[in-house]
Amino acid sequence: MKNIMKQQNEHLLRVDQEEEQRGCNCENIEECPLNGQCLTDNLVYTADVLYRDGEEDVQDTYHGSTAGPFKRRWNEHNSSFRLEYKKKNSMLSKLV
């Protein structure tokens, strides 16, 4: 059991180190939201948002930050756009 746990821990550490060195774990690097650097931590980011308010198109700018990897925050935003119960999770999802 000790050897199995040791091997699993070594594998997980190796995967984390490889991702950290790569900076990206996207299946399709061309679709990476940060051009191959989506695993970067502690970012401040800006999104230009175009939405409809009644009959008027409104352009706005959203500023956000992340303490962990940007990709995790990106995925949280995307799920808040799709899932009704998460639509108030951020100011960006409220705009979208």
PDB file of N, CA and C in Angstrom:
ATOM      1  N   MET A   1       0.836  -1.191   0.000  1.00  0.00           N
ATOM      2  CA  MET A   1       0.000   0.000   0.000  1.00  0.00           C
ATOM      3  C   MET A   1       0.879   1.252   0.000  1.00  0.00           C
ATOM      4  N   LYS A   2       1.952   1.211   0.764  1.00  0.00           N
ATOM      5  CA  LYS A   2       2.858   2.352   0.844  1.00  0.00           C
ATOM      6  C   LYS A   2       3.446   2.667  -0.537  1.00  0.00           C
ATOM      7  N   ASN A   3       3.859   1.628  -1.274  1.00  0.00           N
ATOM      8  CA  ASN A   3       4.423   1.835  -2.607  1.00  0.00           C
ATOM      9  C   ASN A   3       3.399   2.388  -3.583  1.00  0.00           C
ATOM     10  N   ILE A   4       2.160   1.918  -3.491  1.00  0.00           N
ATOM     11  CA  ILE A   4       1.098   2.415  -4.370  1.00  0.00           C
ATOM     12  C   ILE A   4       0.860   3.889  -4.116  1.00  0.00           C
ATOM     13  N   MET A   5       0.787   4.288  -2.862  1.00  0.00           N
ATOM     14  CA  MET A   5       0.570   5.694  -2.520  1.00  0.00           C
ATOM     15  C   MET A   5       1.757   6.548  -2.970  1.00  0.00           C
ATOM     16  N   LYS A   6       2.957   6.032  -2.784  1.00  0.00           N
ATOM     17  CA  LYS A   6       4.159   6.765  -3.187  1.00  0.00           C
ATOM     18  C   LYS A   6       4.163   6.987  -4.700  1.00  0.00           C
ATOM     19  N   GLN A   7       3.846   5.955  -5.468  1.00  0.00           N
ATOM     20  CA  GLN A   7       3.807   6.077  -6.921  1.00  0.00           C
ATOM     21  C   GLN A   7       2.740   7.070  -7.370  1.00  0.00           C
ATOM     22  N   GLN A   8       1.577   7.013  -6.749  1.00  0.00           N
ATOM     23  CA  GLN A   8       0.496   7.945  -7.101  1.00  0.00           C
ATOM     24  C   GLN A   8       0.892   9.382  -6.793  1.00  0.00           C
ATOM     25  N   ASN A   9       1.494   9.605  -5.638  1.00  0.00           N
ATOM     26  CA  ASN A   9       1.942  10.956  -5.267  1.00  0.00           C
ATOM     27  C   ASN A   9       3.003  11.469  -6.233  1.00  0.00           C
ATOM     28  N   GLU A  10       3.934  10.608  -6.602  1.00  0.00           N
ATOM     29  CA  GLU A  10       4.968  11.009  -7.549  1.00  0.00           C
ATOM     30  C   GLU A  10       4.356  11.366  -8.900  1.00  0.00           C
ATOM     31  N   HIS A  11       3.382  10.583  -9.325  1.00  0.00           N
ATOM     32  CA  HIS A  11       2.700  10.862 -10.589  1.00  0.00           C
ATOM     33  C   HIS A  11       1.991  12.215 -10.543  1.00  0.00           C
ATOM     34  N   LEU A  12       1.249  12.465  -9.473  1.00  0.00           N
ATOM     35  CA  LEU A  12       0.516  13.731  -9.361  1.00  0.00           C
ATOM     36  C   LEU A  12       1.465  14.918  -9.319  1.00  0.00           C
ATOM     37  N   LEU A  13       2.559  14.795  -8.601  1.00  0.00           N
ATOM     38  CA  LEU A  13       3.536  15.880  -8.544  1.00  0.00           C
ATOM     39  C   LEU A  13       4.169  16.122  -9.908  1.00  0.00           C
ATOM     40  N   ARG A  14       4.458  15.051 -10.627  1.00  0.00           N
ATOM     41  CA  ARG A  14       5.057  15.170 -11.949  1.00  0.00           C
ATOM     42  C   ARG A  14       4.088  15.863 -12.920  1.00  0.00           C
ATOM     43  N   VAL A  15       2.814  15.504 -12.870  1.00  0.00           N
ATOM     44  CA  VAL A  15       1.809  16.134 -13.736  1.00  0.00           C
ATOM     45  C   VAL A  15       1.687  17.618 -13.413  1.00  0.00           C
ATOM     46  N   ASP A  16       1.641  17.967 -12.123  1.00  0.00           N
ATOM     47  CA  ASP A  16       1.554  19.374 -11.731  1.00  0.00           C
ATOM     48  C   ASP A  16       2.767  20.153 -12.219  1.00  0.00           C
ATOM     49  N   GLN A  17       3.955  19.571 -12.083  1.00  0.00           N
ATOM     50  CA  GLN A  17       5.171  20.252 -12.516  1.00  0.00           C
ATOM     51  C   GLN A  17       5.189  20.425 -14.030  1.00  0.00           C
ATOM     52  N   GLU A  18       4.735  19.411 -14.768  1.00  0.00           N
ATOM     53  CA  GLU A  18       4.699  19.516 -16.226  1.00  0.00           C
ATOM     54  C   GLU A  18       3.731  20.607 -16.666  1.00  0.00           C
ATOM     55  N   GLU A  19       2.558  20.669 -16.030  1.00  0.00           N
ATOM     56  CA  GLU A  19       1.591  21.713 -16.386  1.00  0.00           C
ATOM     57  C   GLU A  19       2.138  23.091 -16.050  1.00  0.00           C
ATOM     58  N   GLU A  20       2.802  23.194 -14.910  1.00  0.00           N
ATOM     59  CA  GLU A  20       3.363  24.478 -14.503  1.00  0.00           C
ATOM     60  C   GLU A  20       4.431  24.933 -15.491  1.00  0.00           C
ATOM     61  N   GLN A  21       5.257  24.004 -15.949  1.00  0.00           N
ATOM     62  CA  GLN A  21       6.294  24.353 -16.921  1.00  0.00           C
ATOM     63  C   GLN A  21       5.676  24.719 -18.262  1.00  0.00           C
ATOM     64  N   ARG A  22       4.640  23.993 -18.671  1.00  0.00           N
ATOM     65  CA  ARG A  22       3.995  24.269 -19.950  1.00  0.00           C
ATOM     66  C   ARG A  22       3.225  25.576 -19.902  1.00  0.00           C
ATOM     67  N   GLY A  23       2.587  25.855 -18.782  1.00  0.00           N
ATOM     68  CA  GLY A  23       1.773  27.052 -18.675  1.00  0.00           C
ATOM     69  C   GLY A  23       0.370  26.876 -19.219  1.00  0.00           C
ATOM     70  N   CYS A  24       0.076  25.680 -19.778  1.00  0.00           N
ATOM     71  CA  CYS A  24      -1.221  25.460 -20.392  1.00  0.00           C
ATOM     72  C   CYS A  24      -1.530  23.971 -20.404  1.00  0.00           C
ATOM     73  N   ASN A  25      -2.808  23.652 -20.188  1.00  0.00           N
ATOM     74  CA  ASN A  25      -3.226  22.253 -20.300  1.00  0.00           C
ATOM     75  C   ASN A  25      -4.449  22.125 -21.212  1.00  0.00           C
ATOM     76  N   CYS A  26      -4.634  23.081 -22.102  1.00  0.00           N
ATOM     77  CA  CYS A  26      -5.754  23.041 -23.041  1.00  0.00           C
ATOM     78  C   CYS A  26      -5.547  21.917 -24.040  1.00  0.00           C
ATOM     79  N   GLU A  27      -6.632  21.229 -24.378  1.00  0.00           N
ATOM     80  CA  GLU A  27      -6.553  20.172 -25.377  1.00  0.00           C
ATOM     81  C   GLU A  27      -6.179  20.742 -26.743  1.00  0.00           C
ATOM     82  N   ASN A  28      -6.708  21.903 -27.059  1.00  0.00           N
ATOM     83  CA  ASN A  28      -6.407  22.565 -28.319  1.00  0.00           C
ATOM     84  C   ASN A  28      -5.747  23.901 -27.996  1.00  0.00           C
ATOM     85  N   ILE A  29      -4.438  23.970 -28.142  1.00  0.00           N
ATOM     86  CA  ILE A  29      -3.678  25.159 -27.742  1.00  0.00           C
ATOM     87  C   ILE A  29      -4.141  26.414 -28.483  1.00  0.00           C
ATOM     88  N   GLU A  30      -4.682  26.261 -29.710  1.00  0.00           N
ATOM     89  CA  GLU A  30      -5.165  27.428 -30.463  1.00  0.00           C
ATOM     90  C   GLU A  30      -6.384  28.063 -29.803  1.00  0.00           C
ATOM     91  N   GLU A  31      -7.117  27.292 -28.994  1.00  0.00           N
ATOM     92  CA  GLU A  31      -8.304  27.818 -28.330  1.00  0.00           C
ATOM     93  C   GLU A  31      -8.034  28.272 -26.890  1.00  0.00           C
ATOM     94  N   CYS A  32      -6.779  28.272 -26.498  1.00  0.00           N
ATOM     95  CA  CYS A  32      -6.402  28.705 -25.143  1.00  0.00           C
ATOM     96  C   CYS A  32      -6.766  30.180 -24.955  1.00  0.00           C
ATOM     97  N   PRO A  33      -7.437  30.521 -23.850  1.00  0.00           N
ATOM     98  CA  PRO A  33      -7.840  31.918 -23.643  1.00  0.00           C
ATOM     99  C   PRO A  33      -6.673  32.873 -23.432  1.00  0.00           C
ATOM    100  N   LEU A  34      -5.484  32.340 -23.094  1.00  0.00           N
ATOM    101  CA  LEU A  34      -4.324  33.209 -22.873  1.00  0.00           C
ATOM    102  C   LEU A  34      -3.120  32.794 -23.713  1.00  0.00           C
ATOM    103  N   ASN A  35      -3.379  32.321 -24.909  1.00  0.00           N
ATOM    104  CA  ASN A  35      -2.286  31.978 -25.835  1.00  0.00           C
ATOM    105  C   ASN A  35      -1.209  31.096 -25.207  1.00  0.00           C
ATOM    106  N   GLY A  36      -1.645  30.011 -24.579  1.00  0.00           N
ATOM    107  CA  GLY A  36      -0.711  29.044 -24.019  1.00  0.00           C
ATOM    108  C   GLY A  36      -0.230  29.361 -22.613  1.00  0.00           C
ATOM    109  N   GLN A  37      -0.840  30.325 -21.949  1.00  0.00           N
ATOM    110  CA  GLN A  37      -0.433  30.680 -20.584  1.00  0.00           C
ATOM    111  C   GLN A  37      -1.620  30.668 -19.622  1.00  0.00           C
ATOM    112  N   CYS A  38      -2.607  29.813 -19.870  1.00  0.00           N
ATOM    113  CA  CYS A  38      -3.854  29.828 -19.104  1.00  0.00           C
ATOM    114  C   CYS A  38      -3.703  29.349 -17.660  1.00  0.00           C
ATOM    115  N   LEU A  39      -2.592  28.698 -17.325  1.00  0.00           N
ATOM    116  CA  LEU A  39      -2.401  28.232 -15.953  1.00  0.00           C
ATOM    117  C   LEU A  39      -1.686  29.264 -15.085  1.00  0.00           C
ATOM    118  N   THR A  40      -1.505  30.469 -15.612  1.00  0.00           N
ATOM    119  CA  THR A  40      -0.860  31.543 -14.868  1.00  0.00           C
ATOM    120  C   THR A  40      -1.738  31.960 -13.688  1.00  0.00           C
ATOM    121  N   ASP A  41      -1.116  32.116 -12.524  1.00  0.00           N
ATOM    122  CA  ASP A  41      -1.822  32.526 -11.310  1.00  0.00           C
ATOM    123  C   ASP A  41      -1.795  34.044 -11.146  1.00  0.00           C
ATOM    124  N   ASN A  42      -2.705  34.545 -10.314  1.00  0.00           N
ATOM    125  CA  ASN A  42      -2.700  35.932  -9.852  1.00  0.00           C
ATOM    126  C   ASN A  42      -2.706  36.952 -10.996  1.00  0.00           C
ATOM    127  N   LEU A  43      -3.760  36.920 -11.762  1.00  0.00           N
ATOM    128  CA  LEU A  43      -3.874  37.845 -12.883  1.00  0.00           C
ATOM    129  C   LEU A  43      -4.985  38.859 -12.659  1.00  0.00           C
ATOM    130  N   VAL A  44      -4.796  40.014 -13.262  1.00  0.00           N
ATOM    131  CA  VAL A  44      -5.869  40.996 -13.411  1.00  0.00           C
ATOM    132  C   VAL A  44      -6.190  40.988 -14.894  1.00  0.00           C
ATOM    133  N   TYR A  45      -7.471  40.890 -15.239  1.00  0.00           N
ATOM    134  CA  TYR A  45      -7.851  40.777 -16.640  1.00  0.00           C
ATOM    135  C   TYR A  45      -9.002  41.713 -16.953  1.00  0.00           C
ATOM    136  N   THR A  46      -9.177  41.969 -18.236  1.00  0.00           N
ATOM    137  CA  THR A  46     -10.218  42.862 -18.730  1.00  0.00           C
ATOM    138  C   THR A  46     -10.993  42.153 -19.832  1.00  0.00           C
ATOM    139  N   ALA A  47     -12.303  42.322 -19.818  1.00  0.00           N
ATOM    140  CA  ALA A  47     -13.140  41.763 -20.874  1.00  0.00           C
ATOM    141  C   ALA A  47     -14.018  42.876 -21.428  1.00  0.00           C
ATOM    142  N   ASP A  48     -14.025  43.008 -22.743  1.00  0.00           N
ATOM    143  CA  ASP A  48     -14.948  43.929 -23.399  1.00  0.00           C
ATOM    144  C   ASP A  48     -16.254  43.184 -23.609  1.00  0.00           C
ATOM    145  N   VAL A  49     -17.347  43.763 -23.140  1.00  0.00           N
ATOM    146  CA  VAL A  49     -18.645  43.092 -23.164  1.00  0.00           C
ATOM    147  C   VAL A  49     -19.626  43.922 -23.988  1.00  0.00           C
ATOM    148  N   LEU A  50     -20.312  43.256 -24.895  1.00  0.00           N
ATOM    149  CA  LEU A  50     -21.374  43.884 -25.668  1.00  0.00           C
ATOM    150  C   LEU A  50     -22.656  43.149 -25.325  1.00  0.00           C
ATOM    151  N   TYR A  51     -23.653  43.870 -24.825  1.00  0.00           N
ATOM    152  CA  TYR A  51     -24.915  43.242 -24.444  1.00  0.00           C
ATOM    153  C   TYR A  51     -26.072  44.155 -24.804  1.00  0.00           C
ATOM    154  N   ARG A  52     -27.260  43.602 -24.770  1.00  0.00           N
ATOM    155  CA  ARG A  52     -28.465  44.347 -25.120  1.00  0.00           C
ATOM    156  C   ARG A  52     -29.204  44.708 -23.841  1.00  0.00           C
ATOM    157  N   ASP A  53     -29.499  45.996 -23.688  1.00  0.00           N
ATOM    158  CA  ASP A  53     -30.286  46.498 -22.570  1.00  0.00           C
ATOM    159  C   ASP A  53     -31.578  47.055 -23.161  1.00  0.00           C
ATOM    160  N   GLY A  54     -32.627  46.248 -23.113  1.00  0.00           N
ATOM    161  CA  GLY A  54     -33.879  46.635 -23.774  1.00  0.00           C
ATOM    162  C   GLY A  54     -33.678  46.554 -25.272  1.00  0.00           C
ATOM    163  N   GLU A  55     -33.803  47.688 -25.941  1.00  0.00           N
ATOM    164  CA  GLU A  55     -33.596  47.731 -27.392  1.00  0.00           C
ATOM    165  C   GLU A  55     -32.253  48.345 -27.749  1.00  0.00           C
ATOM    166  N   GLU A  56     -31.443  48.643 -26.752  1.00  0.00           N
ATOM    167  CA  GLU A  56     -30.188  49.343 -26.977  1.00  0.00           C
ATOM    168  C   GLU A  56     -28.998  48.407 -26.776  1.00  0.00           C
ATOM    169  N   ASP A  57     -28.022  48.441 -27.700  1.00  0.00           N
ATOM    170  CA  ASP A  57     -26.769  47.709 -27.532  1.00  0.00           C
ATOM    171  C   ASP A  57     -25.848  48.539 -26.652  1.00  0.00           C
ATOM    172  N   VAL A  58     -25.285  47.915 -25.654  1.00  0.00           N
ATOM    173  CA  VAL A  58     -24.410  48.598 -24.707  1.00  0.00           C
ATOM    174  C   VAL A  58     -23.050  47.923 -24.722  1.00  0.00           C
ATOM    175  N   GLN A  59     -21.996  48.723 -24.787  1.00  0.00           N
ATOM    176  CA  GLN A  59     -20.647  48.188 -24.695  1.00  0.00           C
ATOM    177  C   GLN A  59     -20.086  48.596 -23.344  1.00  0.00           C
ATOM    178  N   ASP A  60     -19.514  47.634 -22.645  1.00  0.00           N
ATOM    179  CA  ASP A  60     -19.002  47.874 -21.298  1.00  0.00           C
ATOM    180  C   ASP A  60     -17.671  47.149 -21.153  1.00  0.00           C
ATOM    181  N   THR A  61     -16.944  47.484 -20.117  1.00  0.00           N
ATOM    182  CA  THR A  61     -15.680  46.825 -19.819  1.00  0.00           C
ATOM    183  C   THR A  61     -15.761  46.227 -18.429  1.00  0.00           C
ATOM    184  N   TYR A  62     -15.348  44.980 -18.314  1.00  0.00           N
ATOM    185  CA  TYR A  62     -15.338  44.267 -17.040  1.00  0.00           C
ATOM    186  C   TYR A  62     -13.890  44.031 -16.648  1.00  0.00           C
ATOM    187  N   HIS A  63     -13.570  44.326 -15.399  1.00  0.00           N
ATOM    188  CA  HIS A  63     -12.232  44.063 -14.863  1.00  0.00           C
ATOM    189  C   HIS A  63     -12.376  43.008 -13.775  1.00  0.00           C
ATOM    190  N   GLY A  64     -11.515  42.008 -13.812  1.00  0.00           N
ATOM    191  CA  GLY A  64     -11.559  40.944 -12.820  1.00  0.00           C
ATOM    192  C   GLY A  64     -10.156  40.560 -12.398  1.00  0.00           C
ATOM    193  N   SER A  65     -10.084  39.716 -11.396  1.00  0.00           N
ATOM    194  CA  SER A  65      -8.788  39.216 -10.933  1.00  0.00           C
ATOM    195  C   SER A  65      -8.953  37.774 -10.486  1.00  0.00           C
ATOM    196  N   THR A  66      -7.846  37.082 -10.446  1.00  0.00           N
ATOM    197  CA  THR A  66      -7.850  35.690 -10.033  1.00  0.00           C
ATOM    198  C   THR A  66      -6.676  35.418  -9.111  1.00  0.00           C
ATOM    199  N   ALA A  67      -6.921  34.658  -8.060  1.00  0.00           N
ATOM    200  CA  ALA A  67      -5.847  34.267  -7.150  1.00  0.00           C
ATOM    201  C   ALA A  67      -5.216  32.959  -7.617  1.00  0.00           C
ATOM    202  N   GLY A  68      -6.021  32.074  -8.186  1.00  0.00           N
ATOM    203  CA  GLY A  68      -5.523  30.796  -8.688  1.00  0.00           C
ATOM    204  C   GLY A  68      -5.265  30.893 -10.175  1.00  0.00           C
ATOM    205  N   PRO A  69      -5.212  29.751 -10.853  1.00  0.00           N
ATOM    206  CA  PRO A  69      -4.980  29.753 -12.298  1.00  0.00           C
ATOM    207  C   PRO A  69      -6.107  30.470 -13.040  1.00  0.00           C
ATOM    208  N   PHE A  70      -5.754  31.235 -14.065  1.00  0.00           N
ATOM    209  CA  PHE A  70      -6.749  31.958 -14.840  1.00  0.00           C
ATOM    210  C   PHE A  70      -7.766  31.005 -15.450  1.00  0.00           C
ATOM    211  N   LYS A  71      -7.307  29.836 -15.883  1.00  0.00           N
ATOM    212  CA  LYS A  71      -8.211  28.903 -16.561  1.00  0.00           C
ATOM    213  C   LYS A  71      -9.363  28.487 -15.648  1.00  0.00           C
ATOM    214  N   ARG A  72      -9.104  28.347 -14.365  1.00  0.00           N
ATOM    215  CA  ARG A  72     -10.180  27.998 -13.437  1.00  0.00           C
ATOM    216  C   ARG A  72     -11.230  29.106 -13.422  1.00  0.00           C
ATOM    217  N   ARG A  73     -10.791  30.356 -13.384  1.00  0.00           N
ATOM    218  CA  ARG A  73     -11.723  31.485 -13.375  1.00  0.00           C
ATOM    219  C   ARG A  73     -12.475  31.569 -14.701  1.00  0.00           C
ATOM    220  N   TRP A  74     -11.774  31.331 -15.790  1.00  0.00           N
ATOM    221  CA  TRP A  74     -12.382  31.315 -17.126  1.00  0.00           C
ATOM    222  C   TRP A  74     -13.517  30.294 -17.170  1.00  0.00           C
ATOM    223  N   ASN A  75     -13.249  29.104 -16.650  1.00  0.00           N
ATOM    224  CA  ASN A  75     -14.273  28.053 -16.627  1.00  0.00           C
ATOM    225  C   ASN A  75     -15.452  28.434 -15.726  1.00  0.00           C
ATOM    226  N   GLU A  76     -15.170  29.090 -14.613  1.00  0.00           N
ATOM    227  CA  GLU A  76     -16.252  29.547 -13.733  1.00  0.00           C
ATOM    228  C   GLU A  76     -17.135  30.570 -14.448  1.00  0.00           C
ATOM    229  N   HIS A  77     -16.506  31.498 -15.166  1.00  0.00           N
ATOM    230  CA  HIS A  77     -17.287  32.481 -15.924  1.00  0.00           C
ATOM    231  C   HIS A  77     -18.156  31.775 -16.965  1.00  0.00           C
ATOM    232  N   ASN A  78     -17.560  30.861 -17.720  1.00  0.00           N
ATOM    233  CA  ASN A  78     -18.320  30.175 -18.766  1.00  0.00           C
ATOM    234  C   ASN A  78     -19.495  29.389 -18.196  1.00  0.00           C
ATOM    235  N   SER A  79     -19.315  28.736 -17.057  1.00  0.00           N
ATOM    236  CA  SER A  79     -20.440  27.994 -16.474  1.00  0.00           C
ATOM    237  C   SER A  79     -21.504  28.957 -15.954  1.00  0.00           C
ATOM    238  N   SER A  80     -21.099  30.145 -15.490  1.00  0.00           N
ATOM    239  CA  SER A  80     -22.095  31.113 -15.016  1.00  0.00           C
ATOM    240  C   SER A  80     -22.902  31.695 -16.174  1.00  0.00           C
ATOM    241  N   PHE A  81     -22.364  31.663 -17.391  1.00  0.00           N
ATOM    242  CA  PHE A  81     -23.117  32.120 -18.557  1.00  0.00           C
ATOM    243  C   PHE A  81     -24.166  31.087 -18.960  1.00  0.00           C
ATOM    244  N   ARG A  82     -23.836  29.809 -18.794  1.00  0.00           N
ATOM    245  CA  ARG A  82     -24.705  28.728 -19.261  1.00  0.00           C
ATOM    246  C   ARG A  82     -25.738  28.275 -18.241  1.00  0.00           C
ATOM    247  N   LEU A  83     -25.386  28.313 -16.955  1.00  0.00           N
ATOM    248  CA  LEU A  83     -26.236  27.714 -15.925  1.00  0.00           C
ATOM    249  C   LEU A  83     -27.024  28.787 -15.178  1.00  0.00           C
ATOM    250  N   GLU A  84     -28.321  28.653 -15.201  1.00  0.00           N
ATOM    251  CA  GLU A  84     -29.227  29.643 -14.606  1.00  0.00           C
ATOM    252  C   GLU A  84     -28.914  29.904 -13.132  1.00  0.00           C
ATOM    253  N   TYR A  85     -28.667  28.850 -12.360  1.00  0.00           N
ATOM    254  CA  TYR A  85     -28.457  29.033 -10.923  1.00  0.00           C
ATOM    255  C   TYR A  85     -27.113  29.699 -10.587  1.00  0.00           C
ATOM    256  N   LYS A  86     -26.225  29.850 -11.571  1.00  0.00           N
ATOM    257  CA  LYS A  86     -24.938  30.516 -11.345  1.00  0.00           C
ATOM    258  C   LYS A  86     -24.879  31.914 -11.956  1.00  0.00           C
ATOM    259  N   LYS A  87     -25.996  32.388 -12.511  1.00  0.00           N
ATOM    260  CA  LYS A  87     -25.944  33.628 -13.283  1.00  0.00           C
ATOM    261  C   LYS A  87     -25.610  34.866 -12.453  1.00  0.00           C
ATOM    262  N   LYS A  88     -25.694  34.773 -11.146  1.00  0.00           N
ATOM    263  CA  LYS A  88     -25.349  35.924 -10.299  1.00  0.00           C
ATOM    264  C   LYS A  88     -24.018  35.729  -9.576  1.00  0.00           C
ATOM    265  N   ASN A  89     -23.188  34.814 -10.056  1.00  0.00           N
ATOM    266  CA  ASN A  89     -21.913  34.523  -9.395  1.00  0.00           C
ATOM    267  C   ASN A  89     -20.871  35.616  -9.574  1.00  0.00           C
ATOM    268  N   SER A  90     -21.004  36.433 -10.612  1.00  0.00           N
ATOM    269  CA  SER A  90     -20.045  37.516 -10.816  1.00  0.00           C
ATOM    270  C   SER A  90     -20.750  38.665 -11.534  1.00  0.00           C
ATOM    271  N   MET A  91     -20.123  39.815 -11.499  1.00  0.00           N
ATOM    272  CA  MET A  91     -20.683  40.955 -12.217  1.00  0.00           C
ATOM    273  C   MET A  91     -20.681  40.707 -13.727  1.00  0.00           C
ATOM    274  N   LEU A  92     -19.688  39.967 -14.208  1.00  0.00           N
ATOM    275  CA  LEU A  92     -19.648  39.662 -15.637  1.00  0.00           C
ATOM    276  C   LEU A  92     -20.833  38.806 -16.045  1.00  0.00           C
ATOM    277  N   SER A  93     -21.168  37.798 -15.262  1.00  0.00           N
ATOM    278  CA  SER A  93     -22.302  36.948 -15.628  1.00  0.00           C
ATOM    279  C   SER A  93     -23.619  37.715 -15.533  1.00  0.00           C
ATOM    280  N   LYS A  94     -23.683  38.700 -14.666  1.00  0.00           N
ATOM    281  CA  LYS A  94     -24.889  39.523 -14.603  1.00  0.00           C
ATOM    282  C   LYS A  94     -25.042  40.358 -15.877  1.00  0.00           C
ATOM    283  N   LEU A  95     -23.920  40.813 -16.443  1.00  0.00           N
ATOM    284  CA  LEU A  95     -23.971  41.573 -17.683  1.00  0.00           C
ATOM    285  C   LEU A  95     -24.359  40.683 -18.861  1.00  0.00           C
ATOM    286  N   VAL A  96     -23.785  39.486 -18.879  1.00  0.00           N
ATOM    287  CA  VAL A  96     -24.040  38.573 -19.993  1.00  0.00           C
ATOM    288  C   VAL A  96     -25.424  38.012 -19.878  1.00  0.00           C
TER     289      VAL A  96
END
